[in-house]
N, C-alpha and C. Protein backbone atom coordinates (compact mmCIF):
# COMPACT_ATOMS: atom_id res chain seq x y z
N MET A 1 -59.10 -2.85 -49.58
CA MET A 1 -58.01 -1.99 -49.51
C MET A 1 -57.95 -1.05 -50.76
N GLU A 2 -57.39 0.04 -50.05
CA GLU A 2 -57.41 1.21 -51.03
C GLU A 2 -56.31 0.79 -52.11
N GLN A 3 -56.51 1.42 -53.39
CA GLN A 3 -55.59 1.33 -54.43
C GLN A 3 -54.38 2.11 -54.09
N HIS A 4 -53.23 1.71 -55.01
CA HIS A 4 -52.09 2.39 -54.65
C HIS A 4 -51.48 2.52 -56.31
N LYS A 5 -50.74 3.76 -56.53
CA LYS A 5 -50.32 3.86 -58.28
C LYS A 5 -48.86 4.03 -58.14
N TYR A 6 -48.14 3.78 -58.97
CA TYR A 6 -46.68 3.61 -59.12
C TYR A 6 -46.35 4.07 -60.42
N THR A 7 -46.21 5.33 -61.02
CA THR A 7 -45.70 5.89 -62.19
C THR A 7 -44.37 6.20 -62.36
N VAL A 8 -43.84 5.61 -63.48
CA VAL A 8 -42.30 5.84 -63.89
C VAL A 8 -42.39 6.01 -65.12
N SER A 9 -41.32 6.89 -65.59
CA SER A 9 -41.14 7.31 -67.09
C SER A 9 -39.96 6.52 -67.71
N LEU A 10 -39.95 6.51 -69.01
CA LEU A 10 -38.77 5.98 -69.50
C LEU A 10 -38.68 6.83 -70.75
N LYS A 11 -37.38 7.12 -71.20
CA LYS A 11 -37.02 7.89 -72.40
C LYS A 11 -35.99 7.06 -73.04
N TRP A 12 -36.18 6.79 -74.37
CA TRP A 12 -35.26 6.01 -75.26
C TRP A 12 -34.13 7.15 -75.20
N GLU A 13 -32.80 6.50 -75.28
CA GLU A 13 -31.76 7.38 -75.39
C GLU A 13 -30.70 6.93 -76.54
N GLY A 14 -31.66 6.23 -77.61
CA GLY A 14 -30.82 5.73 -78.78
C GLY A 14 -30.08 4.25 -78.46
N ASP A 15 -29.74 3.50 -79.46
CA ASP A 15 -29.18 2.25 -79.43
C ASP A 15 -30.32 1.48 -78.71
N ARG A 16 -29.47 0.65 -77.84
CA ARG A 16 -30.49 -0.05 -76.78
C ARG A 16 -30.68 0.28 -75.50
N LYS A 17 -30.64 1.57 -75.36
CA LYS A 17 -30.51 2.25 -74.14
C LYS A 17 -31.56 3.18 -73.74
N GLY A 18 -31.92 3.51 -72.48
CA GLY A 18 -33.03 4.42 -72.01
C GLY A 18 -32.73 4.88 -70.72
N ILE A 19 -33.50 5.91 -70.20
CA ILE A 19 -33.14 6.58 -68.78
C ILE A 19 -34.80 6.23 -68.24
N LEU A 20 -34.71 5.93 -66.98
CA LEU A 20 -35.78 5.71 -65.93
C LEU A 20 -35.90 6.96 -65.23
N LYS A 21 -37.11 7.46 -65.12
CA LYS A 21 -37.20 8.78 -64.41
C LYS A 21 -38.19 8.61 -63.54
N LEU A 22 -38.10 9.12 -62.30
CA LEU A 22 -39.18 9.23 -61.47
C LEU A 22 -38.94 10.41 -60.38
N LYS A 23 -39.94 11.57 -60.35
CA LYS A 23 -39.83 12.71 -59.50
C LYS A 23 -39.27 12.40 -58.24
N GLY A 24 -38.20 13.15 -57.74
CA GLY A 24 -37.55 13.01 -56.75
C GLY A 24 -36.65 12.02 -56.59
N ARG A 25 -36.24 11.27 -57.38
CA ARG A 25 -35.20 10.20 -57.30
C ARG A 25 -34.24 10.23 -58.50
N PRO A 26 -32.96 9.94 -58.41
CA PRO A 26 -31.95 9.82 -59.39
C PRO A 26 -32.50 9.09 -60.55
N ASP A 27 -32.13 9.34 -61.71
CA ASP A 27 -32.24 8.69 -63.18
C ASP A 27 -31.53 7.45 -63.28
N MET A 28 -31.98 6.42 -63.73
CA MET A 28 -31.53 5.16 -63.92
C MET A 28 -31.17 4.70 -65.21
N LYS A 29 -30.23 4.74 -65.53
CA LYS A 29 -29.85 4.00 -67.10
C LYS A 29 -30.05 2.48 -67.07
N VAL A 30 -30.88 2.40 -68.16
CA VAL A 30 -31.27 0.96 -68.47
C VAL A 30 -30.84 0.67 -69.97
N ALA A 31 -30.77 -0.67 -70.04
CA ALA A 31 -30.51 -1.04 -71.37
C ALA A 31 -30.73 -2.63 -71.68
N THR A 32 -30.85 -3.22 -72.82
CA THR A 32 -30.80 -4.46 -72.88
C THR A 32 -29.41 -5.13 -72.36
N PRO A 33 -29.74 -6.39 -71.90
CA PRO A 33 -28.46 -6.99 -71.17
C PRO A 33 -27.43 -7.42 -72.34
N PRO A 34 -26.02 -7.25 -71.68
CA PRO A 34 -24.96 -7.67 -72.63
C PRO A 34 -25.37 -8.93 -73.58
N ASP A 35 -25.91 -9.91 -72.80
CA ASP A 35 -25.93 -11.35 -73.48
C ASP A 35 -27.08 -11.49 -74.46
N PHE A 36 -28.02 -10.30 -74.54
CA PHE A 36 -28.77 -10.06 -75.55
C PHE A 36 -28.51 -8.93 -76.44
N GLY A 37 -27.24 -8.56 -76.41
CA GLY A 37 -26.60 -7.60 -77.58
C GLY A 37 -26.64 -6.02 -76.96
N GLY A 38 -26.78 -5.94 -75.63
CA GLY A 38 -26.73 -4.35 -74.92
C GLY A 38 -25.42 -4.20 -74.53
N PRO A 39 -25.29 -2.85 -74.15
CA PRO A 39 -23.83 -2.54 -73.79
C PRO A 39 -23.78 -2.85 -72.06
N GLU A 40 -22.50 -2.71 -71.86
CA GLU A 40 -22.02 -3.02 -70.30
C GLU A 40 -22.53 -1.64 -69.64
N GLY A 41 -22.59 -2.00 -68.32
CA GLY A 41 -22.74 -0.77 -67.44
C GLY A 41 -24.10 -0.14 -67.18
N TYR A 42 -25.02 -0.81 -67.81
CA TYR A 42 -26.44 -0.49 -67.66
C TYR A 42 -27.19 -1.28 -66.60
N TRP A 43 -28.29 -1.15 -66.15
CA TRP A 43 -29.12 -2.03 -65.36
C TRP A 43 -30.07 -2.65 -66.39
N SER A 44 -30.23 -4.06 -66.49
CA SER A 44 -31.09 -4.29 -67.47
C SER A 44 -32.62 -4.69 -66.81
N PRO A 45 -33.67 -4.92 -67.56
CA PRO A 45 -35.00 -5.51 -67.02
C PRO A 45 -34.74 -6.57 -66.15
N GLU A 46 -33.98 -7.36 -66.61
CA GLU A 46 -33.96 -8.64 -65.89
C GLU A 46 -33.26 -8.34 -64.73
N GLU A 47 -31.97 -7.84 -64.45
CA GLU A 47 -31.48 -7.53 -63.16
C GLU A 47 -32.52 -6.55 -62.29
N LEU A 48 -33.37 -5.69 -63.00
CA LEU A 48 -34.26 -4.90 -62.22
C LEU A 48 -35.44 -5.72 -61.68
N PHE A 49 -35.92 -7.03 -62.27
CA PHE A 49 -36.72 -7.83 -62.00
C PHE A 49 -36.16 -8.59 -60.57
N VAL A 50 -35.05 -8.96 -60.71
CA VAL A 50 -34.62 -9.70 -59.45
C VAL A 50 -34.33 -8.94 -58.53
N ALA A 51 -33.81 -7.61 -58.80
CA ALA A 51 -33.72 -6.78 -57.48
C ALA A 51 -35.12 -6.24 -57.00
N SER A 52 -36.14 -6.32 -57.67
CA SER A 52 -37.19 -5.89 -57.29
C SER A 52 -38.04 -7.01 -56.33
N ILE A 53 -37.82 -8.22 -56.64
CA ILE A 53 -37.81 -9.51 -55.57
C ILE A 53 -37.09 -9.17 -54.42
N LEU A 54 -35.91 -8.84 -54.44
CA LEU A 54 -35.10 -8.90 -53.45
C LEU A 54 -35.61 -7.89 -52.53
N SER A 55 -35.88 -6.66 -53.02
CA SER A 55 -36.25 -5.63 -52.26
C SER A 55 -37.46 -5.48 -51.59
N CYS A 56 -38.36 -6.33 -52.33
CA CYS A 56 -39.62 -6.63 -51.69
C CYS A 56 -39.73 -7.44 -50.67
N LEU A 57 -38.94 -8.53 -50.68
CA LEU A 57 -38.80 -9.54 -49.74
C LEU A 57 -38.12 -8.73 -48.16
N MET A 58 -37.05 -7.80 -48.53
CA MET A 58 -36.46 -7.40 -47.50
C MET A 58 -37.31 -6.48 -46.71
N THR A 59 -38.20 -5.55 -47.57
CA THR A 59 -39.11 -4.40 -46.84
C THR A 59 -40.08 -5.10 -46.38
N THR A 60 -40.76 -6.64 -47.07
CA THR A 60 -41.86 -7.12 -46.36
C THR A 60 -41.43 -7.99 -45.05
N PHE A 61 -40.18 -8.44 -44.72
CA PHE A 61 -39.61 -8.72 -43.81
C PHE A 61 -39.40 -7.65 -42.63
N LEU A 62 -39.05 -6.65 -43.19
CA LEU A 62 -38.67 -5.52 -42.26
C LEU A 62 -40.08 -4.86 -41.70
N TYR A 63 -41.28 -5.13 -42.36
CA TYR A 63 -42.39 -4.56 -41.92
C TYR A 63 -42.67 -5.42 -40.49
N PHE A 64 -42.52 -6.72 -40.58
CA PHE A 64 -42.64 -7.71 -39.58
C PHE A 64 -41.81 -7.13 -38.15
N VAL A 65 -40.56 -6.95 -38.68
CA VAL A 65 -39.46 -6.76 -37.97
C VAL A 65 -39.92 -5.59 -37.22
N PHE A 66 -40.21 -4.51 -37.60
CA PHE A 66 -40.51 -3.06 -36.80
C PHE A 66 -41.61 -3.33 -36.29
N LYS A 67 -42.79 -3.84 -36.85
CA LYS A 67 -43.95 -3.89 -36.17
C LYS A 67 -43.87 -4.68 -34.74
N ASN A 68 -42.80 -5.66 -34.59
CA ASN A 68 -42.81 -6.46 -33.58
C ASN A 68 -41.32 -6.08 -32.81
N ASN A 69 -41.04 -4.94 -32.99
CA ASN A 69 -39.70 -4.43 -32.28
C ASN A 69 -38.39 -5.38 -32.28
N LEU A 70 -38.48 -5.94 -33.18
CA LEU A 70 -37.01 -7.18 -33.23
C LEU A 70 -35.65 -6.43 -33.74
N LYS A 71 -34.70 -6.56 -32.88
CA LYS A 71 -33.61 -5.94 -33.20
C LYS A 71 -32.52 -6.74 -33.93
N LEU A 72 -32.11 -5.91 -35.18
CA LEU A 72 -31.26 -6.86 -36.13
C LEU A 72 -29.84 -6.17 -36.06
N VAL A 73 -28.76 -6.92 -36.47
CA VAL A 73 -27.58 -6.30 -36.72
C VAL A 73 -27.43 -6.14 -38.03
N SER A 74 -27.70 -7.11 -39.10
CA SER A 74 -27.63 -6.90 -40.44
C SER A 74 -28.57 -7.89 -41.12
N TYR A 75 -28.65 -7.33 -42.60
CA TYR A 75 -29.79 -8.17 -43.39
C TYR A 75 -28.96 -7.81 -44.82
N GLU A 76 -28.71 -9.27 -45.20
CA GLU A 76 -28.18 -9.19 -46.87
C GLU A 76 -29.07 -9.97 -47.51
N SER A 77 -28.79 -10.04 -48.88
CA SER A 77 -29.57 -10.97 -49.79
C SER A 77 -28.88 -11.05 -51.15
N GLU A 78 -29.09 -11.95 -51.69
CA GLU A 78 -28.71 -12.07 -53.26
C GLU A 78 -29.52 -13.27 -53.89
N GLY A 79 -29.79 -12.52 -55.11
CA GLY A 79 -30.67 -13.22 -56.09
C GLY A 79 -30.19 -13.87 -57.34
N GLU A 80 -30.78 -14.86 -58.00
CA GLU A 80 -30.36 -15.11 -59.21
C GLU A 80 -31.28 -15.63 -59.88
N GLY A 81 -31.45 -14.86 -60.98
CA GLY A 81 -32.60 -15.39 -61.96
C GLY A 81 -32.14 -16.33 -62.95
N ILE A 82 -32.89 -17.31 -63.17
CA ILE A 82 -32.59 -18.35 -64.35
C ILE A 82 -33.61 -18.08 -65.35
N VAL A 83 -33.01 -17.47 -66.55
CA VAL A 83 -34.02 -17.55 -67.71
C VAL A 83 -33.81 -18.71 -68.71
N GLY A 84 -35.13 -19.18 -69.21
CA GLY A 84 -34.76 -20.04 -70.22
C GLY A 84 -36.10 -20.29 -71.06
N LYS A 85 -36.39 -21.32 -72.00
CA LYS A 85 -37.64 -21.60 -72.53
C LYS A 85 -38.47 -22.41 -71.72
N ILE A 86 -39.63 -21.95 -71.58
CA ILE A 86 -40.90 -22.55 -71.08
C ILE A 86 -41.89 -22.78 -72.08
N GLU A 87 -42.11 -23.85 -72.63
CA GLU A 87 -43.34 -24.10 -73.52
C GLU A 87 -43.09 -22.86 -74.70
N GLY A 88 -41.64 -22.90 -75.13
CA GLY A 88 -41.65 -22.24 -76.32
C GLY A 88 -41.44 -20.65 -76.25
N GLU A 89 -41.65 -20.23 -74.96
CA GLU A 89 -41.24 -18.73 -74.55
C GLU A 89 -40.15 -18.59 -73.60
N ILE A 90 -39.47 -17.60 -73.63
CA ILE A 90 -38.40 -17.35 -72.92
C ILE A 90 -38.97 -16.37 -71.85
N LYS A 91 -38.89 -17.33 -70.50
CA LYS A 91 -39.21 -16.56 -69.31
C LYS A 91 -38.30 -17.01 -68.41
N PHE A 92 -38.35 -16.13 -67.04
CA PHE A 92 -37.52 -16.52 -65.83
C PHE A 92 -38.29 -17.95 -65.52
N LYS A 93 -37.29 -19.01 -65.21
CA LYS A 93 -37.79 -20.15 -64.90
C LYS A 93 -37.80 -20.46 -63.44
N GLU A 94 -36.61 -19.87 -62.63
CA GLU A 94 -36.76 -19.83 -61.25
C GLU A 94 -35.73 -18.68 -60.78
N ILE A 95 -35.99 -18.09 -59.70
CA ILE A 95 -35.26 -17.11 -59.26
C ILE A 95 -34.89 -17.68 -57.62
N TYR A 96 -33.44 -17.79 -57.46
CA TYR A 96 -33.17 -18.16 -56.01
C TYR A 96 -32.52 -16.91 -55.29
N VAL A 97 -33.03 -17.07 -54.01
CA VAL A 97 -32.94 -16.01 -53.29
C VAL A 97 -32.14 -16.33 -52.02
N ASN A 98 -31.04 -16.27 -51.51
CA ASN A 98 -30.24 -16.38 -50.51
C ASN A 98 -30.20 -15.14 -49.51
N ILE A 99 -30.59 -15.34 -48.31
CA ILE A 99 -30.75 -14.19 -47.18
C ILE A 99 -29.80 -14.57 -46.21
N ARG A 100 -29.29 -13.62 -45.50
CA ARG A 100 -28.58 -13.79 -44.41
C ARG A 100 -28.87 -12.75 -43.25
N VAL A 101 -29.32 -12.99 -42.15
CA VAL A 101 -29.77 -12.11 -41.26
C VAL A 101 -29.00 -12.43 -39.89
N GLU A 102 -28.49 -11.44 -39.52
CA GLU A 102 -27.77 -11.46 -38.00
C GLU A 102 -28.72 -10.61 -37.12
N LYS A 103 -29.35 -11.43 -36.14
CA LYS A 103 -30.12 -10.75 -35.03
C LYS A 103 -29.24 -10.28 -33.96
N GLU A 104 -29.82 -9.29 -32.94
CA GLU A 104 -28.92 -8.85 -31.82
C GLU A 104 -29.05 -10.13 -30.97
N LYS A 105 -27.96 -10.18 -29.98
CA LYS A 105 -27.94 -10.96 -28.96
C LYS A 105 -29.26 -11.07 -28.35
N GLY A 106 -29.78 -12.23 -27.88
CA GLY A 106 -31.07 -12.33 -27.05
C GLY A 106 -32.38 -12.15 -27.69
N GLU A 107 -32.11 -12.00 -28.94
CA GLU A 107 -33.58 -11.95 -29.92
C GLU A 107 -33.73 -13.39 -30.20
N ASP A 108 -34.93 -13.90 -30.18
CA ASP A 108 -35.43 -15.11 -30.66
C ASP A 108 -35.31 -15.49 -32.02
N ILE A 109 -34.55 -16.45 -32.34
CA ILE A 109 -34.38 -16.69 -33.72
C ILE A 109 -35.48 -17.59 -34.41
N LYS A 110 -36.37 -18.03 -33.61
CA LYS A 110 -37.61 -18.47 -34.04
C LYS A 110 -38.36 -17.19 -34.79
N LYS A 111 -38.43 -16.07 -34.16
CA LYS A 111 -39.26 -14.96 -34.61
C LYS A 111 -38.77 -14.46 -35.81
N VAL A 112 -37.34 -14.30 -36.11
CA VAL A 112 -36.62 -13.86 -37.39
C VAL A 112 -36.95 -14.88 -38.02
N GLU A 113 -36.94 -15.95 -38.07
CA GLU A 113 -37.62 -17.31 -39.09
C GLU A 113 -38.89 -17.17 -39.55
N THR A 114 -39.77 -17.03 -38.52
CA THR A 114 -40.94 -16.91 -38.77
C THR A 114 -41.30 -15.47 -39.79
N PHE A 115 -40.54 -14.42 -39.38
CA PHE A 115 -40.87 -13.14 -40.23
C PHE A 115 -40.25 -13.41 -41.58
N LEU A 116 -39.25 -14.27 -41.92
CA LEU A 116 -38.72 -14.56 -43.27
C LEU A 116 -39.68 -15.26 -43.86
N LYS A 117 -40.35 -16.30 -43.37
CA LYS A 117 -41.33 -16.84 -43.89
C LYS A 117 -42.50 -16.18 -44.24
N LEU A 118 -43.03 -15.31 -43.43
CA LEU A 118 -44.25 -14.42 -43.81
C LEU A 118 -43.72 -13.38 -44.87
N ALA A 119 -42.70 -13.04 -44.97
CA ALA A 119 -42.08 -12.19 -46.10
C ALA A 119 -42.03 -13.04 -47.36
N GLU A 120 -42.05 -14.13 -47.52
CA GLU A 120 -41.99 -14.99 -48.51
C GLU A 120 -43.46 -15.14 -48.92
N LYS A 121 -44.38 -15.41 -47.85
CA LYS A 121 -45.66 -15.55 -48.25
C LYS A 121 -46.41 -13.98 -48.68
N TYR A 122 -46.02 -12.95 -48.09
CA TYR A 122 -46.53 -11.97 -48.55
C TYR A 122 -45.92 -11.02 -49.55
N CYS A 123 -44.90 -11.23 -49.97
CA CYS A 123 -44.02 -10.22 -50.93
C CYS A 123 -44.99 -10.17 -52.22
N LEU A 124 -45.32 -8.86 -52.16
CA LEU A 124 -46.20 -8.35 -53.37
C LEU A 124 -45.60 -8.51 -54.69
N ILE A 125 -44.39 -8.17 -54.94
CA ILE A 125 -43.64 -8.72 -56.25
C ILE A 125 -43.59 -10.16 -56.64
N SER A 126 -43.38 -11.08 -55.84
CA SER A 126 -42.94 -12.48 -56.20
C SER A 126 -44.20 -12.81 -56.14
N ASN A 127 -45.12 -12.45 -55.55
CA ASN A 127 -46.64 -13.07 -55.56
C ASN A 127 -47.17 -12.67 -56.82
N SER A 128 -46.84 -11.53 -57.40
CA SER A 128 -47.55 -11.20 -58.98
C SER A 128 -46.60 -11.73 -60.03
N ALA A 129 -45.64 -12.39 -59.78
CA ALA A 129 -44.72 -12.75 -60.89
C ALA A 129 -44.99 -14.18 -61.13
N ASP A 130 -44.89 -14.56 -62.32
CA ASP A 130 -45.18 -15.68 -62.84
C ASP A 130 -43.89 -16.63 -62.93
N VAL A 131 -43.45 -17.03 -61.39
CA VAL A 131 -41.99 -17.64 -61.52
C VAL A 131 -42.01 -18.09 -60.25
N ASP A 132 -41.07 -19.26 -60.05
CA ASP A 132 -40.97 -20.06 -58.76
C ASP A 132 -39.76 -19.34 -58.32
N VAL A 133 -39.92 -18.77 -56.88
CA VAL A 133 -38.84 -18.11 -56.22
C VAL A 133 -38.81 -18.96 -54.77
N LYS A 134 -37.23 -19.30 -54.91
CA LYS A 134 -36.84 -20.45 -54.11
C LYS A 134 -36.18 -19.58 -52.78
N LEU A 135 -36.46 -19.67 -51.75
CA LEU A 135 -35.82 -18.69 -50.63
C LEU A 135 -35.21 -19.71 -49.86
N ASN A 136 -33.92 -19.21 -49.71
CA ASN A 136 -32.79 -19.92 -48.56
C ASN A 136 -32.64 -18.85 -47.79
N PHE A 137 -32.70 -19.26 -46.17
CA PHE A 137 -32.08 -18.22 -45.54
C PHE A 137 -31.37 -18.62 -44.26
N GLN A 138 -30.30 -17.74 -43.92
CA GLN A 138 -29.30 -18.18 -42.58
C GLN A 138 -29.51 -17.06 -41.65
N VAL A 139 -29.70 -17.62 -40.55
CA VAL A 139 -30.14 -16.67 -39.37
C VAL A 139 -28.95 -16.91 -38.21
N GLU A 140 -28.34 -15.90 -37.94
CA GLU A 140 -27.20 -15.97 -36.98
C GLU A 140 -27.52 -15.04 -35.54
């Protein structure tokens, strides 16, 4: 497989805040989360970590959906990351992901379920993380 690069820059804005920058994209304000002394109203690294797993699961799932011409009505997910001490270090212990998919009438529910399981198996971000990702899904 060929290599891919993803380069992002970050500029400290004082206090516990910074600005993530990526050419051609809107800037994103980031900060320490409020429960660790940061300000309200900013994305935290912890939230971005959970968000990256959610978005990776979705895009991996959609790869299989589009490749197989499956028709969907909607896709929604919600993630909750649990942080605590593991062997004396503060880490993510688990990430719980709930996914709701509505397929178009006539589409095979088993295909949707299979593609969700494949997304769980092949998601680059969750496969690269040292955390247990627990996936629950509902297909209508």
